[in-house]
């Protein structure tokens, strides 16, 4: 689930033993980490622009890619930026490292990895990443519940994205039953013609 307080409190109130059942999904954790990297980039870009250095201009999406999924056309520029001593590059390295948290085999390994990552972030000078690490520390038991249940809400997020796209393509629906029909049609992979 998302780390939104009303979700958490409602689940804790209505589900017996919810503390051990809530799993904060990788998608939502990484969303917060990506936002922190982007805020570091914005702040550093403003500082560099005052000195007429435009190295970070137009690089917003470059930092949001994972290292594995970086398109070939960005690799040269990405390598040059990573080689320079930018706070954004260090924040991106922290982001890439925390992605590995979910790859561990056991909760014990993941907990040890988490402690090392937290120490790295805590001793850095990057405030946005420290804020995310503090938020994660508050919820680390529910993040690590992944290793007990091994579940994510990736399919639900994918369906929600499809539904949002359906609404956007139609510029809204006047009737909820039309929306429901469009969702069944698109998400059910139905063919219009026999």
Protein backbone atom coordinates (compact mmCIF):
# COMPACT_ATOMS: atom_id res chain seq x y z
CA UNK A 1 0.00 0.00 0.00
CA UNK A 2 0.88 3.64 -0.23
CA UNK A 3 2.42 5.36 2.82
CA UNK A 4 -0.54 7.70 3.19
CA UNK A 5 -1.59 8.00 6.85
CA UNK A 6 -5.36 7.50 6.27
CA UNK A 7 -4.65 4.19 4.47
CA UNK A 8 -2.44 3.04 7.31
CA UNK A 9 -4.80 4.04 10.13
CA UNK A 10 -7.84 2.52 8.41
CA UNK A 11 -6.00 -0.75 7.82
CA UNK A 12 -4.72 -0.87 11.40
CA UNK A 13 -8.25 -0.23 12.66
CA UNK A 14 -10.05 -2.80 10.52
CA UNK A 15 -7.55 -5.63 9.87
CA UNK A 16 -6.52 -7.89 12.76
CA UNK A 17 -2.72 -8.14 13.04
CA UNK A 18 -2.27 -5.46 10.38
CA UNK A 19 1.19 -4.42 11.64
CA UNK A 20 2.63 -7.63 10.26
CA UNK A 21 0.51 -7.58 7.10
CA UNK A 22 1.07 -4.08 5.70
CA UNK A 23 3.69 -4.02 2.94
CA UNK A 24 4.83 -0.68 1.60
CA UNK A 25 5.47 -1.32 -2.03
CA UNK A 26 8.76 -0.70 -3.83
CA UNK A 27 6.91 1.48 -6.35
CA UNK A 28 5.81 3.95 -3.66
CA UNK A 29 9.16 4.00 -1.86
CA UNK A 30 11.04 4.62 -5.12
CA UNK A 31 8.56 7.37 -6.03
CA UNK A 32 9.64 9.27 -2.91
CA UNK A 33 13.32 8.62 -3.64
CA UNK A 34 12.94 9.82 -7.26
CA UNK A 35 11.22 12.99 -6.04
CA UNK A 36 14.16 13.62 -3.69
CA UNK A 37 16.68 13.17 -6.54
CA UNK A 38 14.67 15.58 -8.66
CA UNK A 39 14.55 18.19 -5.88
CA UNK A 40 18.36 17.92 -5.51
CA UNK A 41 18.69 18.39 -9.28
CA UNK A 42 16.44 21.47 -9.28
CA UNK A 43 18.28 23.08 -6.38
CA UNK A 44 21.71 22.37 -7.84
CA UNK A 45 20.62 23.54 -11.29
CA UNK A 46 19.54 26.90 -9.83
CA UNK A 47 22.90 27.26 -8.06
CA UNK A 48 24.84 26.39 -11.21
CA UNK A 49 22.68 28.68 -13.41
CA UNK A 50 23.68 31.65 -11.22
CA UNK A 51 27.29 30.87 -12.21
CA UNK A 52 26.24 30.45 -15.88
CA UNK A 53 26.92 26.71 -15.78
CA UNK A 54 24.17 24.85 -17.62
CA UNK A 55 25.33 21.22 -17.09
CA UNK A 56 22.05 20.09 -15.49
CA UNK A 57 19.71 21.91 -17.85
CA UNK A 58 17.35 19.46 -19.56
CA UNK A 59 18.48 16.43 -17.52
CA UNK A 60 15.35 15.87 -15.43
CA UNK A 61 14.33 12.57 -17.02
CA UNK A 62 17.88 11.32 -17.32
CA UNK A 63 18.13 11.03 -13.51
CA UNK A 64 14.75 9.28 -13.22
CA UNK A 65 15.88 6.29 -15.28
CA UNK A 66 17.33 3.31 -13.49
CA UNK A 67 20.87 2.47 -14.55
CA UNK A 68 19.63 -0.68 -16.30
CA UNK A 69 16.97 1.09 -18.37
CA UNK A 70 18.92 4.14 -19.50
CA UNK A 71 18.48 4.56 -23.26
CA UNK A 72 21.65 4.44 -25.34
CA UNK A 73 21.25 8.04 -26.55
CA UNK A 74 21.68 9.33 -22.96
CA UNK A 75 24.61 7.14 -21.88
CA UNK A 76 27.41 9.52 -22.94
CA UNK A 77 25.89 12.56 -21.23
CA UNK A 78 24.98 10.49 -18.17
CA UNK A 79 28.54 9.19 -17.90
CA UNK A 80 29.96 12.70 -18.15
CA UNK A 81 27.60 14.01 -15.47
CA UNK A 82 28.28 11.07 -13.15
CA UNK A 83 32.04 11.65 -13.52
CA UNK A 84 31.63 15.26 -12.36
CA UNK A 85 31.25 15.97 -8.66
CA UNK A 86 27.56 16.92 -8.64
CA UNK A 87 25.25 16.43 -5.65
CA UNK A 88 22.64 15.20 -8.13
CA UNK A 89 24.96 12.39 -9.21
CA UNK A 90 25.53 11.37 -5.59
CA UNK A 91 21.78 11.44 -4.90
CA UNK A 92 21.23 9.32 -8.02
CA UNK A 93 23.81 6.81 -6.76
CA UNK A 94 21.91 6.59 -3.47
CA UNK A 95 18.72 6.00 -5.43
CA UNK A 96 20.30 3.25 -7.50
CA UNK A 97 21.66 1.56 -4.38
CA UNK A 98 18.37 1.51 -2.47
CA UNK A 99 16.73 -0.19 -5.47
CA UNK A 100 18.78 -3.27 -4.56
CA UNK A 101 17.06 -3.56 -1.17
CA UNK A 102 14.29 -5.74 -2.62
CA UNK A 103 16.75 -8.11 -4.35
CA UNK A 104 17.98 -9.73 -1.13
CA UNK A 105 17.00 -13.28 -0.23
CA UNK A 106 16.11 -12.72 3.43
CA UNK A 107 14.85 -9.99 5.72
CA UNK A 108 18.11 -10.18 7.72
CA UNK A 109 20.24 -9.43 4.65
CA UNK A 110 17.90 -6.64 3.63
CA UNK A 111 17.97 -5.12 7.12
CA UNK A 112 21.78 -5.09 7.12
CA UNK A 113 21.83 -3.55 3.64
CA UNK A 114 19.29 -0.93 4.80
CA UNK A 115 21.45 0.02 7.80
CA UNK A 116 24.50 0.54 5.57
CA UNK A 117 22.49 2.64 3.10
CA UNK A 118 20.99 4.71 5.92
CA UNK A 119 24.46 5.36 7.35
CA UNK A 120 25.70 6.51 3.91
CA UNK A 121 22.78 8.90 3.49
CA UNK A 122 22.98 10.19 7.07
CA UNK A 123 26.66 11.08 6.61
CA UNK A 124 26.08 12.80 3.27
CA UNK A 125 25.36 16.50 2.75
CA UNK A 126 22.21 15.90 0.71
CA UNK A 127 19.24 17.07 2.76
CA UNK A 128 16.51 15.81 0.40
CA UNK A 129 17.86 12.26 0.61
CA UNK A 130 18.11 12.56 4.40
CA UNK A 131 14.42 13.48 4.53
CA UNK A 132 13.48 10.42 2.44
CA UNK A 133 15.72 8.20 4.59
CA UNK A 134 14.00 9.53 7.72
CA UNK A 135 10.58 8.79 6.22
CA UNK A 136 11.73 5.29 5.27
CA UNK A 137 13.19 4.72 8.76
CA UNK A 138 9.76 5.48 10.26
CA UNK A 139 8.20 2.78 8.06
CA UNK A 140 11.08 0.32 7.64
CA UNK A 141 9.27 -2.55 9.36
CA UNK A 142 6.41 -2.30 6.86
CA UNK A 143 8.83 -1.93 3.94
CA UNK A 144 10.69 -5.06 5.07
CA UNK A 145 7.38 -6.95 5.44
CA UNK A 146 7.89 -7.58 1.73
CA UNK A 147 10.31 -10.36 2.70
CA UNK A 148 7.59 -12.08 4.73
CA UNK A 149 4.77 -11.83 2.18
CA UNK A 150 6.61 -11.30 -1.17
CA UNK A 151 3.74 -9.26 -2.63
CA UNK A 152 3.49 -6.00 -4.54
CA UNK A 153 0.62 -3.97 -5.91
CA UNK A 154 2.22 -3.60 -9.35
CA UNK A 155 -0.77 -5.13 -11.19
CA UNK A 156 -3.22 -2.81 -9.44
CA UNK A 157 -1.03 0.20 -10.28
CA UNK A 158 -0.89 -0.95 -13.92
CA UNK A 159 -4.67 -1.25 -14.12
CA UNK A 160 -5.07 2.19 -12.51
CA UNK A 161 -2.75 3.64 -15.15
CA UNK A 162 -4.81 2.06 -17.93
CA UNK A 163 -8.04 3.45 -16.44
CA UNK A 164 -6.51 6.93 -16.20
CA UNK A 165 -5.45 6.68 -19.84
CA UNK A 166 -8.97 5.60 -20.88
CA UNK A 167 -10.47 8.63 -19.10
CA UNK A 168 -7.88 10.95 -20.62
CA UNK A 169 -8.43 9.62 -24.16
CA UNK A 170 -12.19 10.15 -23.82
CA UNK A 171 -11.82 13.64 -22.30
CA UNK A 172 -14.10 12.44 -19.48
CA UNK A 173 -17.36 10.52 -19.36
CA UNK A 174 -20.83 11.91 -18.67
CA UNK A 175 -22.13 8.55 -17.57
CA UNK A 176 -20.31 6.17 -15.21
CA UNK A 177 -21.71 3.13 -17.02
CA UNK A 178 -19.97 4.30 -20.24
CA UNK A 179 -16.71 4.54 -18.31
CA UNK A 180 -17.25 1.05 -16.88
CA UNK A 181 -17.93 -0.34 -20.38
CA UNK A 182 -14.78 1.32 -21.75
CA UNK A 183 -12.72 -0.13 -18.88
CA UNK A 184 -14.06 -3.65 -19.49
CA UNK A 185 -13.47 -3.25 -23.21
CA UNK A 186 -9.88 -1.98 -22.97
CA UNK A 187 -8.69 -3.92 -19.94
CA UNK A 188 -10.44 -7.10 -21.06
CA UNK A 189 -8.66 -7.04 -24.45
CA UNK A 190 -11.98 -7.27 -26.26
CA UNK A 191 -12.14 -7.04 -30.05
CA UNK A 192 -14.75 -4.84 -31.71
CA UNK A 193 -15.05 -7.04 -34.79
CA UNK A 194 -15.73 -10.81 -34.80
